[in-house]
Amino acid sequence: MKVVILKDATEVAKYGAAIFVKQIKRKPSSVLGLATGSTPVAMYEELISAYKNKDVSFSEVKSFNLDEYLGIADDHPQSYRSFMNKELFDHVDIDKSNTEVPPGDAENPIEACDIYERKIFDCGGIDIQLLGIGRNAHIGFNEPSSSLGSRTRVKTLTQETIDDNARFFAKDEFQPHLAITMGIGTILESKTVVLLATGENKAQAIVDTVQGPVTAHCPASALQLHRDAIVIIDEAAASLLKNKDFFKKMEQENMRLEESLGNKRIV
């Protein structure tokens, strides 16, 4: 696991976007795993800027989103399909027919999960997966106690996650308590995983993810098992890490080595 500690949320967004731009330039037909939430928005803004500046094209890209609420349609304003259209897809040259979001209004959600897994497999797997992290260290909607080998499935949300997301729904509006989410096993099959986290409210989740034991109680800790996982955080999110100075030194050494190897990334 590579841990990159940066000054603030702006630097985190720029660093994450640069990794995705580099991936797409190297492989224009890349399969991207995408995430919703407040943290990815700033990175999507950087990707939109890169597209507008003609630094990157999404015309051949395919994408799969991590999750979707169960019980709401694609055109619902709080659906993750609506989120992705608003925050990224409407502003770049991606073919929306090549973008997949789990169907929250599926008649048979169990079958829909299996179909989603097959679609990922048929595309050759995800080249690079973006993740945020919840305060309870969930990734996607894989809440604490999720199997580390889990696949795309219907998942019950914890009360903590429901409370955190309540701000997006009106008081009298239906708020789903279930979601379809890629499983942890699905996420771990991605060739590269990029996790972004900012703010002190994510500090405990980050220390548990990076320095704690690998356990279903901390779903993101499974990333310790991934051969190419990059955790990009700001100083606030890194505040509880015991080895901050070492992580910073390691990143400096990695950058020097990458430059000497022609920018081939070191994990």
Protein backbone atom coordinates (compact mmCIF):
# COMPACT_ATOMS: atom_id res chain seq x y z
CA MET A 1 0.00 0.00 0.00
CA LYS A 2 1.29 3.42 -0.99
CA VAL A 3 0.29 6.29 1.31
CA VAL A 4 0.56 9.82 -0.06
CA ILE A 5 0.09 12.68 2.43
CA LEU A 6 -0.59 16.09 0.89
CA LYS A 7 -1.28 19.55 2.25
CA ASP A 8 -5.02 19.86 1.63
CA ALA A 9 -8.06 18.61 -0.26
CA THR A 10 -7.12 20.55 -3.41
CA GLU A 11 -3.78 18.77 -3.66
CA VAL A 12 -5.47 15.42 -3.03
CA ALA A 13 -7.87 16.04 -5.93
CA LYS A 14 -5.09 17.09 -8.29
CA TYR A 15 -2.91 14.11 -7.40
CA GLY A 16 -5.77 11.65 -7.85
CA ALA A 17 -6.85 13.18 -11.16
CA ALA A 18 -3.29 13.00 -12.48
CA ILE A 19 -3.23 9.25 -11.87
CA PHE A 20 -6.47 8.78 -13.81
CA VAL A 21 -5.33 11.01 -16.67
CA LYS A 22 -2.08 9.06 -16.92
CA GLN A 23 -4.02 5.77 -16.99
CA ILE A 24 -6.32 6.95 -19.79
CA LYS A 25 -3.44 8.31 -21.84
CA ARG A 26 -1.62 5.01 -21.49
CA LYS A 27 -4.76 3.03 -22.35
CA PRO A 28 -7.52 5.13 -24.01
CA SER A 29 -10.01 2.27 -23.66
CA SER A 30 -9.47 2.01 -19.91
CA VAL A 31 -12.22 0.61 -17.69
CA LEU A 32 -12.68 3.00 -14.78
CA GLY A 33 -14.29 2.21 -11.45
CA LEU A 34 -15.94 5.38 -10.16
CA ALA A 35 -17.31 6.57 -6.84
CA THR A 36 -19.77 9.13 -5.54
CA GLY A 37 -19.57 11.31 -2.46
CA SER A 38 -18.16 14.71 -1.60
CA THR A 39 -14.49 13.78 -1.84
CA PRO A 40 -14.49 12.54 -5.47
CA VAL A 41 -16.27 15.70 -6.70
CA ALA A 42 -13.10 17.81 -6.52
CA MET A 43 -11.20 15.15 -8.47
CA TYR A 44 -13.93 15.06 -11.11
CA GLU A 45 -13.60 18.83 -11.46
CA GLU A 46 -9.90 18.32 -12.19
CA LEU A 47 -10.72 15.66 -14.80
CA ILE A 48 -13.22 17.99 -16.47
CA SER A 49 -10.56 20.70 -16.60
CA ALA A 50 -8.09 18.25 -18.13
CA TYR A 51 -10.66 17.34 -20.79
CA LYS A 52 -11.46 20.98 -21.58
CA ASN A 53 -7.73 21.71 -21.87
CA LYS A 54 -7.48 18.79 -24.34
CA ASP A 55 -5.14 16.90 -22.04
CA VAL A 56 -7.32 13.78 -22.07
CA SER A 57 -10.26 12.23 -23.92
CA PHE A 58 -12.87 9.89 -22.44
CA SER A 59 -14.29 8.85 -25.83
CA GLU A 60 -13.12 5.23 -25.56
CA VAL A 61 -13.44 4.87 -21.79
CA LYS A 62 -15.87 2.51 -20.07
CA SER A 63 -16.89 2.96 -16.45
CA PHE A 64 -18.57 1.08 -13.61
CA ASN A 65 -19.83 2.82 -10.51
CA LEU A 66 -19.36 1.26 -7.11
CA ASP A 67 -22.90 1.41 -5.87
CA GLU A 68 -26.45 2.74 -6.02
CA TYR A 69 -29.31 3.12 -3.62
CA LEU A 70 -31.95 0.40 -3.90
CA GLY A 71 -35.48 1.60 -4.48
CA ILE A 72 -34.91 4.74 -6.55
CA ALA A 73 -34.82 5.21 -10.32
CA ASP A 74 -31.93 6.49 -12.43
CA ASP A 75 -33.61 9.87 -12.90
CA HIS A 76 -34.19 10.41 -9.17
CA PRO A 77 -32.20 13.53 -8.13
CA GLN A 78 -30.49 11.58 -5.33
CA SER A 79 -29.57 8.59 -7.50
CA TYR A 80 -25.90 8.00 -8.12
CA ARG A 81 -26.60 7.96 -11.86
CA SER A 82 -27.87 11.54 -11.55
CA PHE A 83 -24.81 12.40 -9.44
CA MET A 84 -22.38 11.04 -12.04
CA ASN A 85 -24.13 12.81 -14.90
CA LYS A 86 -24.08 16.11 -13.03
CA GLU A 87 -20.54 15.88 -11.65
CA LEU A 88 -18.69 14.26 -14.57
CA PHE A 89 -20.43 12.58 -17.51
CA ASP A 90 -22.30 15.67 -18.76
CA HIS A 91 -19.04 17.61 -19.01
CA VAL A 92 -16.70 15.25 -20.87
CA ASP A 93 -16.82 13.27 -24.13
CA ILE A 94 -17.64 9.91 -22.57
CA ASP A 95 -20.30 7.80 -24.30
CA LYS A 96 -22.97 7.35 -21.62
CA SER A 97 -23.87 3.98 -23.08
CA ASN A 98 -20.41 2.90 -21.87
CA THR A 99 -21.13 4.01 -18.29
CA GLU A 100 -22.65 1.53 -15.87
CA VAL A 101 -24.30 2.25 -12.52
CA PRO A 102 -26.03 -0.53 -10.56
CA PRO A 103 -29.79 -0.41 -11.28
CA GLY A 104 -31.46 0.83 -8.13
CA ASP A 105 -34.91 0.14 -9.56
CA ALA A 106 -34.22 -3.41 -10.74
CA GLU A 107 -37.22 -5.73 -10.49
CA ASN A 108 -34.89 -8.52 -9.37
CA PRO A 109 -31.96 -6.87 -7.58
CA ILE A 110 -30.27 -10.19 -6.78
CA GLU A 111 -30.16 -11.09 -10.46
CA ALA A 112 -29.06 -7.53 -11.28
CA CYS A 113 -26.01 -7.98 -9.03
CA ASP A 114 -24.93 -11.10 -10.93
CA ILE A 115 -25.42 -9.31 -14.25
CA TYR A 116 -23.28 -6.40 -13.02
CA GLU A 117 -20.47 -8.78 -12.10
CA ARG A 118 -20.64 -10.40 -15.54
CA LYS A 119 -20.49 -7.03 -17.27
CA ILE A 120 -17.29 -6.15 -15.38
CA PHE A 121 -15.80 -9.53 -16.27
CA ASP A 122 -16.78 -9.20 -19.94
CA CYS A 123 -14.98 -5.83 -20.12
CA GLY A 124 -11.77 -7.46 -18.91
CA GLY A 125 -12.03 -6.14 -15.36
CA ILE A 126 -11.52 -2.67 -13.92
CA ASP A 127 -8.20 -1.01 -14.69
CA ILE A 128 -8.36 1.61 -11.97
CA GLN A 129 -10.89 1.91 -9.16
CA LEU A 130 -11.62 5.14 -7.29
CA LEU A 131 -12.74 4.89 -3.67
CA GLY A 132 -13.85 7.22 -0.95
CA ILE A 133 -14.09 6.03 2.63
CA GLY A 134 -16.81 6.38 5.25
CA ARG A 135 -16.25 7.35 8.86
CA ASN A 136 -16.76 3.68 9.72
CA ALA A 137 -14.21 2.73 7.02
CA HIS A 138 -16.77 1.43 4.54
CA ILE A 139 -15.77 1.37 0.87
CA GLY A 140 -18.59 1.40 -1.60
CA PHE A 141 -21.48 0.40 0.63
CA ASN A 142 -19.49 -2.45 2.17
CA GLU A 143 -20.29 -1.73 5.80
CA PRO A 144 -18.36 -3.16 8.77
CA SER A 145 -18.77 -6.97 8.95
CA SER A 146 -18.75 -7.27 5.13
CA SER A 147 -16.94 -10.33 3.87
CA LEU A 148 -13.52 -9.48 2.45
CA GLY A 149 -14.33 -11.85 -0.42
CA SER A 150 -17.80 -10.42 -1.13
CA ARG A 151 -19.12 -9.78 -4.63
CA THR A 152 -21.65 -7.27 -5.95
CA ARG A 153 -24.76 -7.68 -3.81
CA VAL A 154 -27.58 -5.99 -1.91
CA LYS A 155 -26.32 -4.53 1.34
CA THR A 156 -28.12 -3.09 4.38
CA LEU A 157 -26.78 0.32 5.37
CA THR A 158 -25.73 1.02 8.94
CA GLN A 159 -27.53 3.72 10.89
CA GLU A 160 -24.29 5.73 10.88
CA THR A 161 -24.20 5.74 7.07
CA ILE A 162 -27.91 6.55 6.87
CA ASP A 163 -27.41 9.48 9.25
CA ASP A 164 -24.37 10.72 7.30
CA ASN A 165 -26.34 10.67 4.04
CA ALA A 166 -29.56 12.11 5.46
CA ARG A 167 -28.43 15.63 4.55
CA PHE A 168 -28.96 14.81 0.87
CA PHE A 169 -32.65 13.98 1.36
CA ALA A 170 -35.57 16.20 2.34
CA LYS A 171 -37.12 15.42 5.73
CA ASP A 172 -40.29 13.99 4.15
CA GLU A 173 -38.43 12.23 1.30
CA PHE A 174 -37.90 8.47 1.07
CA GLN A 175 -34.31 7.64 2.04
CA PRO A 176 -33.20 4.13 1.08
CA HIS A 177 -31.78 1.85 3.75
CA LEU A 178 -30.54 -0.69 1.19
CA ALA A 179 -28.07 -0.41 -1.68
CA ILE A 180 -26.47 -2.44 -4.43
CA THR A 181 -22.70 -2.33 -4.04
CA MET A 182 -19.64 -3.90 -5.56
CA GLY A 183 -18.20 -6.33 -3.04
CA ILE A 184 -14.79 -6.06 -1.43
CA GLY A 185 -13.66 -9.06 -3.46
CA THR A 186 -14.82 -7.28 -6.62
CA ILE A 187 -12.90 -4.13 -5.66
CA LEU A 188 -9.73 -6.10 -4.90
CA GLU A 189 -9.75 -7.53 -8.43
CA SER A 190 -9.24 -4.03 -9.88
CA LYS A 191 -5.73 -3.65 -11.27
CA THR A 192 -5.15 -0.40 -9.37
CA VAL A 193 -7.12 1.09 -6.46
CA VAL A 194 -7.01 4.79 -5.56
CA LEU A 195 -8.59 5.84 -2.25
CA LEU A 196 -9.08 9.54 -1.47
CA ALA A 197 -9.78 10.90 2.01
CA THR A 198 -9.76 14.40 3.46
CA GLY A 199 -10.62 15.95 6.79
CA GLU A 200 -10.21 15.06 10.46
CA ASN A 201 -13.48 13.12 10.47
CA LYS A 202 -11.77 10.46 8.32
CA ALA A 203 -8.60 10.25 10.44
CA GLN A 204 -9.65 7.22 12.53
CA ALA A 205 -10.85 5.34 9.46
CA ILE A 206 -7.52 6.01 7.76
CA VAL A 207 -5.37 4.86 10.66
CA ASP A 208 -7.46 1.69 10.96
CA THR A 209 -7.15 1.12 7.21
CA VAL A 210 -3.41 1.70 6.95
CA GLN A 211 -2.03 0.58 10.34
CA GLY A 212 -4.71 -1.64 11.81
CA PRO A 213 -5.25 -5.36 11.30
CA VAL A 214 -6.99 -6.64 8.17
CA THR A 215 -10.50 -7.26 9.44
CA ALA A 216 -14.09 -7.22 8.29
CA HIS A 217 -14.71 -4.67 11.07
CA CYS A 218 -12.69 -2.21 8.93
CA PRO A 219 -13.65 -2.97 5.32
CA ALA A 220 -11.03 -0.64 3.81
CA SER A 221 -8.25 -2.54 5.62
CA ALA A 222 -8.63 -5.18 2.88
CA LEU A 223 -6.66 -2.79 0.66
CA GLN A 224 -3.55 -3.86 2.57
CA LEU A 225 -3.83 -7.07 0.54
CA HIS A 226 -3.87 -5.29 -2.83
CA ARG A 227 -0.63 -5.15 -4.81
CA ASP A 228 -1.32 -1.67 -6.22
CA ALA A 229 -3.36 0.37 -3.74
CA ILE A 230 -2.73 4.10 -3.35
CA VAL A 231 -4.17 6.00 -0.37
CA ILE A 232 -4.12 9.76 -0.99
CA ILE A 233 -4.95 11.90 2.04
CA ASP A 234 -4.55 15.42 3.36
CA GLU A 235 -2.80 16.38 6.59
CA ALA A 236 -6.06 16.36 8.53
CA ALA A 237 -6.97 12.81 7.49
CA ALA A 238 -3.39 11.73 8.26
CA SER A 239 -3.40 13.29 11.74
CA LEU A 240 -3.60 9.98 13.65
CA LEU A 241 -1.01 8.05 11.64
CA LYS A 242 2.04 7.11 13.70
CA ASN A 243 4.47 7.09 10.78
CA LYS A 244 3.56 10.28 8.91
CA ASP A 245 7.16 11.38 8.43
CA PHE A 246 8.13 7.98 7.08
CA PHE A 247 5.25 7.96 4.59
CA LYS A 248 6.29 11.41 3.37
CA LYS A 249 9.92 10.33 3.03
CA MET A 250 8.87 7.16 1.22
CA GLU A 251 6.84 9.20 -1.29
CA GLN A 252 9.84 11.45 -1.96
CA GLU A 253 12.07 8.44 -2.54
CA ASN A 254 9.46 6.82 -4.78
CA MET A 255 9.20 9.97 -6.87
CA ARG A 256 12.96 10.07 -7.35
CA LEU A 257 13.00 6.41 -8.34
CA GLU A 258 10.06 6.82 -10.71
CA GLU A 259 11.83 9.70 -12.46
CA SER A 260 14.94 7.59 -12.91
CA LEU A 261 12.79 4.78 -14.37
CA GLY A 262 10.91 7.02 -16.75
CA ASN A 263 7.92 7.71 -14.48
CA LYS A 264 7.00 4.05 -14.02
CA ARG A 265 5.03 4.17 -10.80
CA ILE A 266 6.36 2.44 -7.70
CA VAL A 267 3.96 1.11 -5.04
